[in-house]
């Protein structure tokens, strides 16, 4: 009798272990699938704090000179990854690129400086810039005409021409039968003023 009870308890324990293992595998699979379907994304400003902290560990006397999406930006101006380029002011020729993900993963790379002036008066986040772009009549017409259009790139830099920091957003539609179309909008990163709009439409 005791042997049978022990055997029964063993079977129950094994069954519970199998059930718990199956549940864990299902939960992990669901988590991975949800991350693929609904990836976490952040705005450019949401990632800049961590990027600046990492860059400051390299050198304290740094300045931000360039920001760009690494993964494709969505229609709300958010991306899974943003890259921030900082110039070491004491040296004047060395840069560190810090890429930050929505999950706070960080990648760094050292590069040479290519004479980008520092970003100044940055108050318009990537989400704000995208909202401004979508409400522009020319961009709205482009996106309405070419519904397959994607945001090909979005970056923040200082404009030599306008002497101000700007957001540049590029839209691209592959089109039917290899008939691509593009649109671009440039927005003042401090005031939100639209400085230039170009659209290529039939």
Protein backbone atom coordinates (compact mmCIF):
# COMPACT_ATOMS: atom_id res chain seq x y z
CA UNK A 1 0.00 0.00 0.00
CA UNK A 2 2.80 2.39 0.96
CA UNK A 3 4.58 1.64 -2.29
CA UNK A 4 1.44 2.41 -4.29
CA UNK A 5 0.92 5.71 -2.42
CA UNK A 6 4.53 6.70 -3.03
CA UNK A 7 4.16 5.83 -6.70
CA UNK A 8 0.97 7.88 -6.91
CA UNK A 9 2.63 10.88 -5.26
CA UNK A 10 5.54 10.58 -7.67
CA UNK A 11 3.14 10.55 -10.65
CA UNK A 12 1.35 13.63 -9.32
CA UNK A 13 4.66 15.50 -8.84
CA UNK A 14 5.84 14.59 -12.36
CA UNK A 15 2.48 15.66 -13.81
CA UNK A 16 2.67 19.01 -11.99
CA UNK A 17 6.24 19.57 -13.21
CA UNK A 18 5.18 18.83 -16.79
CA UNK A 19 2.18 21.19 -16.52
CA UNK A 20 4.29 23.99 -15.02
CA UNK A 21 6.94 23.52 -17.73
CA UNK A 22 4.31 23.67 -20.48
CA UNK A 23 2.80 26.83 -18.97
CA UNK A 24 6.23 28.50 -18.76
CA UNK A 25 7.03 27.59 -22.38
CA UNK A 26 3.65 28.95 -23.54
CA UNK A 27 4.10 32.19 -21.56
CA UNK A 28 7.64 32.69 -22.90
CA UNK A 29 6.49 32.00 -26.46
CA UNK A 30 3.61 34.43 -26.06
CA UNK A 31 5.98 37.08 -24.69
CA UNK A 32 8.40 36.71 -27.62
CA UNK A 33 5.54 36.75 -30.12
CA UNK A 34 3.98 39.86 -28.55
CA UNK A 35 7.36 41.62 -28.68
CA UNK A 36 7.59 40.84 -32.39
CA UNK A 37 4.02 41.95 -33.11
CA UNK A 38 4.02 44.94 -30.77
CA UNK A 39 7.67 45.97 -30.27
CA UNK A 40 8.42 48.54 -27.60
CA UNK A 41 9.28 51.96 -28.99
CA UNK A 42 10.45 55.29 -27.63
CA UNK A 43 10.70 58.86 -28.81
CA UNK A 44 14.08 60.48 -29.45
CA UNK A 45 13.98 62.50 -26.24
CA UNK A 46 13.02 59.46 -24.17
CA UNK A 47 16.29 57.77 -25.11
CA UNK A 48 18.56 60.82 -24.96
CA UNK A 49 18.92 60.86 -21.18
CA UNK A 50 20.46 57.39 -21.07
CA UNK A 51 22.57 58.09 -24.15
CA UNK A 52 23.98 61.28 -22.57
CA UNK A 53 24.78 59.42 -19.35
CA UNK A 54 26.72 56.74 -21.27
CA UNK A 55 28.54 59.33 -23.39
CA UNK A 56 29.44 61.35 -20.27
CA UNK A 57 31.20 58.31 -18.85
CA UNK A 58 33.51 58.53 -21.88
CA UNK A 59 34.13 62.28 -21.44
CA UNK A 60 32.30 64.92 -19.43
CA UNK A 61 32.85 67.79 -21.86
CA UNK A 62 30.64 66.56 -24.70
CA UNK A 63 27.92 67.98 -26.90
CA UNK A 64 25.17 66.33 -28.95
CA UNK A 65 25.62 66.79 -32.70
CA UNK A 66 23.30 64.25 -34.36
CA UNK A 67 20.26 62.03 -33.64
CA UNK A 68 18.82 59.40 -36.00
CA UNK A 69 16.44 56.46 -35.94
CA UNK A 70 18.16 53.09 -36.17
CA UNK A 71 15.05 50.97 -36.57
CA UNK A 72 12.17 52.21 -38.73
CA UNK A 73 10.18 55.04 -37.15
CA UNK A 74 6.45 54.47 -36.83
CA UNK A 75 3.68 56.91 -37.77
CA UNK A 76 3.82 58.42 -34.27
CA UNK A 77 7.52 59.28 -34.43
CA UNK A 78 8.72 56.43 -32.21
CA UNK A 79 11.40 53.84 -32.90
CA UNK A 80 12.78 50.68 -31.27
CA UNK A 81 16.27 52.23 -31.44
CA UNK A 82 17.73 55.76 -31.64
CA UNK A 83 21.35 56.68 -32.25
CA UNK A 84 22.94 59.75 -30.62
CA UNK A 85 26.28 61.16 -31.71
CA UNK A 86 28.30 63.21 -29.20
CA UNK A 87 31.41 65.27 -29.88
CA UNK A 88 34.23 65.48 -27.35
CA UNK A 89 34.80 69.24 -27.20
CA UNK A 90 38.33 69.11 -25.75
CA UNK A 91 39.55 67.01 -28.64
CA UNK A 92 37.33 68.42 -31.40
CA UNK A 93 37.71 65.41 -33.67
CA UNK A 94 36.44 62.41 -31.71
CA UNK A 95 32.85 61.25 -31.45
CA UNK A 96 30.97 58.53 -29.67
CA UNK A 97 27.78 57.09 -31.10
CA UNK A 98 25.40 55.75 -28.47
CA UNK A 99 22.43 53.68 -29.64
CA UNK A 100 19.62 53.21 -27.14
CA UNK A 101 16.68 50.81 -27.41
CA UNK A 102 13.22 51.01 -25.90
CA UNK A 103 14.27 48.25 -23.49
CA UNK A 104 17.32 50.33 -22.40
CA UNK A 105 19.81 48.16 -24.26
CA UNK A 106 22.87 50.21 -25.24
CA UNK A 107 25.45 49.95 -28.01
CA UNK A 108 28.42 52.29 -28.45
CA UNK A 109 30.81 53.02 -31.30
CA UNK A 110 33.66 55.51 -31.64
CA UNK A 111 33.96 57.53 -34.84
CA UNK A 112 35.78 60.52 -36.25
CA UNK A 113 34.07 63.90 -36.19
CA UNK A 114 32.81 65.17 -39.54
CA UNK A 115 32.31 68.80 -38.54
CA UNK A 116 28.65 68.64 -37.58
CA UNK A 117 27.83 71.70 -35.45
CA UNK A 118 26.16 71.06 -32.08
CA UNK A 119 22.41 70.69 -31.77
CA UNK A 120 20.95 73.74 -30.01
CA UNK A 121 17.54 74.60 -28.54
CA UNK A 122 16.11 71.11 -29.08
CA UNK A 123 12.58 71.22 -27.68
CA UNK A 124 10.52 69.45 -30.37
CA UNK A 125 10.57 65.68 -29.78
CA UNK A 126 10.36 63.16 -32.63
CA UNK A 127 6.69 62.53 -31.77
CA UNK A 128 5.94 66.26 -31.99
CA UNK A 129 7.81 66.58 -35.29
CA UNK A 130 5.93 63.63 -36.79
CA UNK A 131 2.62 65.11 -35.66
CA UNK A 132 3.51 68.42 -37.32
CA UNK A 133 4.48 66.58 -40.52
CA UNK A 134 1.26 64.58 -40.67
CA UNK A 135 -0.83 67.75 -40.32
CA UNK A 136 0.96 69.50 -43.19
CA UNK A 137 -1.34 69.60 -46.22
CA UNK A 138 1.36 68.48 -48.69
CA UNK A 139 2.51 65.53 -46.58
CA UNK A 140 -1.08 64.61 -45.80
CA UNK A 141 -1.88 64.55 -49.53
CA UNK A 142 1.20 62.43 -50.21
CA UNK A 143 0.32 59.88 -47.52
CA UNK A 144 -3.28 59.79 -48.71
CA UNK A 145 -2.20 59.13 -52.29
CA UNK A 146 0.51 56.60 -51.45
CA UNK A 147 -0.84 54.50 -48.60
CA UNK A 148 2.12 52.11 -48.73
CA UNK A 149 4.53 54.92 -47.86
CA UNK A 150 6.93 54.32 -45.00
CA UNK A 151 9.10 56.69 -42.99
CA UNK A 152 12.43 55.96 -44.63
CA UNK A 153 14.49 58.03 -42.21
CA UNK A 154 14.19 60.66 -39.50
CA UNK A 155 17.11 62.59 -38.10
CA UNK A 156 17.95 65.65 -36.04
CA UNK A 157 20.93 67.82 -36.96
CA UNK A 158 22.06 71.43 -37.16
CA UNK A 159 21.42 73.14 -40.49
CA UNK A 160 24.26 75.23 -41.93
CA UNK A 161 21.77 77.00 -44.19
CA UNK A 162 19.19 77.97 -41.60
CA UNK A 163 21.64 78.10 -38.65
CA UNK A 164 19.23 76.16 -36.46
CA UNK A 165 18.68 72.59 -35.43
CA UNK A 166 16.16 70.78 -37.59
CA UNK A 167 14.21 67.56 -37.92
CA UNK A 168 14.35 65.98 -41.38
CA UNK A 169 11.73 63.34 -42.17
CA UNK A 170 11.79 61.32 -45.40
CA UNK A 171 8.81 59.34 -46.65
CA UNK A 172 9.11 56.70 -49.36
CA UNK A 173 6.58 54.77 -51.42
CA UNK A 174 7.81 51.89 -53.59
CA UNK A 175 4.73 52.29 -55.77
CA UNK A 176 3.22 49.97 -58.33
CA UNK A 177 5.37 48.54 -61.13
CA UNK A 178 8.59 50.03 -59.77
CA UNK A 179 7.23 53.58 -59.65
CA UNK A 180 8.66 55.05 -56.44
CA UNK A 181 7.66 58.38 -54.90
CA UNK A 182 9.24 60.39 -52.11
CA UNK A 183 8.45 63.26 -49.79
CA UNK A 184 10.56 65.27 -47.38
CA UNK A 185 9.77 67.78 -44.67
CA UNK A 186 12.16 69.89 -42.59
CA UNK A 187 10.99 71.22 -39.23
CA UNK A 188 12.62 73.66 -36.81
CA UNK A 189 13.53 71.54 -33.77
CA UNK A 190 12.93 74.47 -31.41
CA UNK A 191 9.81 76.23 -32.67
CA UNK A 192 8.14 73.52 -34.76
CA UNK A 193 8.05 75.82 -37.79
CA UNK A 194 7.98 74.03 -41.14
CA UNK A 195 11.02 75.24 -43.09
CA UNK A 196 10.69 73.16 -46.26
CA UNK A 197 8.42 70.57 -47.85
CA UNK A 198 9.05 68.57 -51.00
CA UNK A 199 6.75 65.94 -52.47
CA UNK A 200 7.14 63.82 -55.62
CA UNK A 201 3.72 62.86 -56.92
CA UNK A 202 2.28 61.94 -60.32
